[in-house]
């Protein structure tokens, strides 16, 4: 946690917004992506790690990561 807020340099938020817009535009141009067998194995391993609870603040912040990612990977 940060005990106090730190002023952001002018324009830093604009840069982040621009980068996000570029990423969204790129993603919208892509077609449906499907996982091959090797990617499916990697996904299974990653999904299992998402379900593990490291405890503490990190665990509280990342709890239920597998539920959030399920929808992202649902159509693959």
C-alpha atoms as a PDB file:
ATOM      1  CA  UNK A   1       0.000   0.000   0.000  1.00  0.00           C
ATOM      2  CA  UNK A   2       1.072   3.552  -0.659  1.00  0.00           C
ATOM      3  CA  UNK A   3       0.693   5.778   2.434  1.00  0.00           C
ATOM      4  CA  UNK A   4      -0.035   8.826   0.306  1.00  0.00           C
ATOM      5  CA  UNK A   5      -0.802   9.569  -3.298  1.00  0.00           C
ATOM      6  CA  UNK A   6       2.002  10.567  -5.608  1.00  0.00           C
ATOM      7  CA  UNK A   7       1.257  13.177  -8.270  1.00  0.00           C
ATOM      8  CA  UNK A   8       1.434  11.806 -11.790  1.00  0.00           C
ATOM      9  CA  UNK A   9       3.431  13.684 -14.436  1.00  0.00           C
ATOM     10  CA  UNK A  10       1.297  15.644 -16.861  1.00  0.00           C
ATOM     11  CA  UNK A  11       0.272  13.495 -19.801  1.00  0.00           C
ATOM     12  CA  UNK A  12       1.095  10.139 -18.184  1.00  0.00           C
ATOM     13  CA  UNK A  13      -2.567   9.135 -18.062  1.00  0.00           C
ATOM     14  CA  UNK A  14      -3.014  10.208 -21.675  1.00  0.00           C
ATOM     15  CA  UNK A  15      -0.139   7.904 -22.690  1.00  0.00           C
ATOM     16  CA  UNK A  16      -1.738   4.974 -20.866  1.00  0.00           C
ATOM     17  CA  UNK A  17      -5.114   5.670 -22.481  1.00  0.00           C
ATOM     18  CA  UNK A  18      -3.478   5.867 -25.920  1.00  0.00           C
ATOM     19  CA  UNK A  19      -1.684   2.542 -25.367  1.00  0.00           C
ATOM     20  CA  UNK A  20      -4.910   0.903 -24.214  1.00  0.00           C
ATOM     21  CA  UNK A  21      -6.788   2.201 -27.257  1.00  0.00           C
ATOM     22  CA  UNK A  22      -4.076   0.852 -29.561  1.00  0.00           C
ATOM     23  CA  UNK A  23      -4.212  -2.560 -27.872  1.00  0.00           C
ATOM     24  CA  UNK A  24      -8.010  -2.673 -28.163  1.00  0.00           C
ATOM     25  CA  UNK A  25      -7.892  -1.691 -31.838  1.00  0.00           C
ATOM     26  CA  UNK A  26      -5.336  -4.425 -32.531  1.00  0.00           C
ATOM     27  CA  UNK A  27      -7.406  -7.006 -30.662  1.00  0.00           C
ATOM     28  CA  UNK A  28     -10.564  -6.107 -32.549  1.00  0.00           C
ATOM     29  CA  UNK A  29      -8.811  -6.773 -35.876  1.00  0.00           C
ATOM     30  CA  UNK A  30      -7.837 -10.315 -34.905  1.00  0.00           C
ATOM     31  CA  UNK A  31     -10.028 -13.250 -35.775  1.00  0.00           C
ATOM     32  CA  UNK A  32     -11.087 -16.046 -33.489  1.00  0.00           C
ATOM     33  CA  UNK A  33      -8.052 -17.641 -31.895  1.00  0.00           C
ATOM     34  CA  UNK A  34      -7.989 -21.318 -31.011  1.00  0.00           C
ATOM     35  CA  UNK A  35      -5.458 -23.165 -28.888  1.00  0.00           C
ATOM     36  CA  UNK A  36      -3.535 -26.056 -30.385  1.00  0.00           C
ATOM     37  CA  UNK A  37      -2.669 -29.108 -28.269  1.00  0.00           C
ATOM     38  CA  UNK A  38       0.542 -27.583 -26.886  1.00  0.00           C
ATOM     39  CA  UNK A  39      -1.257 -24.376 -25.931  1.00  0.00           C
ATOM     40  CA  UNK A  40      -4.030 -26.395 -24.278  1.00  0.00           C
ATOM     41  CA  UNK A  41      -1.461 -28.085 -22.024  1.00  0.00           C
ATOM     42  CA  UNK A  42       0.048 -24.703 -21.103  1.00  0.00           C
ATOM     43  CA  UNK A  43      -3.427 -23.313 -20.378  1.00  0.00           C
ATOM     44  CA  UNK A  44      -4.241 -26.203 -18.025  1.00  0.00           C
ATOM     45  CA  UNK A  45      -1.060 -25.528 -16.039  1.00  0.00           C
ATOM     46  CA  UNK A  46      -1.712 -21.778 -15.904  1.00  0.00           C
ATOM     47  CA  UNK A  47      -5.333 -22.315 -14.857  1.00  0.00           C
ATOM     48  CA  UNK A  48      -4.268 -24.544 -11.965  1.00  0.00           C
ATOM     49  CA  UNK A  49      -1.917 -21.817 -10.721  1.00  0.00           C
ATOM     50  CA  UNK A  50      -4.736 -19.276 -10.896  1.00  0.00           C
ATOM     51  CA  UNK A  51      -6.702 -21.396  -8.438  1.00  0.00           C
ATOM     52  CA  UNK A  52      -3.961 -21.526  -5.824  1.00  0.00           C
ATOM     53  CA  UNK A  53      -4.234 -19.049  -2.950  1.00  0.00           C
ATOM     54  CA  UNK A  54      -0.911 -17.503  -1.917  1.00  0.00           C
ATOM     55  CA  UNK A  55      -2.588 -15.996   1.165  1.00  0.00           C
ATOM     56  CA  UNK A  56      -2.086 -12.549   2.627  1.00  0.00           C
ATOM     57  CA  UNK A  57      -2.741  -9.373   0.689  1.00  0.00           C
ATOM     58  CA  UNK A  58      -1.722 -10.982  -2.597  1.00  0.00           C
ATOM     59  CA  UNK A  59      -4.230 -13.782  -2.060  1.00  0.00           C
ATOM     60  CA  UNK A  60      -6.957 -11.270  -1.290  1.00  0.00           C
ATOM     61  CA  UNK A  61      -6.182  -9.248  -4.404  1.00  0.00           C
ATOM     62  CA  UNK A  62      -5.977 -12.247  -6.731  1.00  0.00           C
ATOM     63  CA  UNK A  63      -8.637 -14.488  -5.209  1.00  0.00           C
ATOM     64  CA  UNK A  64     -10.893 -16.118  -7.810  1.00  0.00           C
ATOM     65  CA  UNK A  65      -8.492 -15.454 -10.690  1.00  0.00           C
ATOM     66  CA  UNK A  66      -9.586 -18.670 -12.353  1.00  0.00           C
ATOM     67  CA  UNK A  67     -13.208 -17.489 -12.440  1.00  0.00           C
ATOM     68  CA  UNK A  68     -12.227 -14.277 -14.201  1.00  0.00           C
ATOM     69  CA  UNK A  69     -10.059 -16.021 -16.758  1.00  0.00           C
ATOM     70  CA  UNK A  70     -12.593 -18.731 -17.507  1.00  0.00           C
ATOM     71  CA  UNK A  71     -14.694 -16.358 -19.579  1.00  0.00           C
ATOM     72  CA  UNK A  72     -11.688 -15.124 -21.503  1.00  0.00           C
ATOM     73  CA  UNK A  73     -10.738 -18.666 -22.516  1.00  0.00           C
ATOM     74  CA  UNK A  74     -14.273 -19.987 -22.897  1.00  0.00           C
ATOM     75  CA  UNK A  75     -14.529 -19.721 -26.667  1.00  0.00           C
ATOM     76  CA  UNK A  76     -11.223 -21.360 -27.465  1.00  0.00           C
END
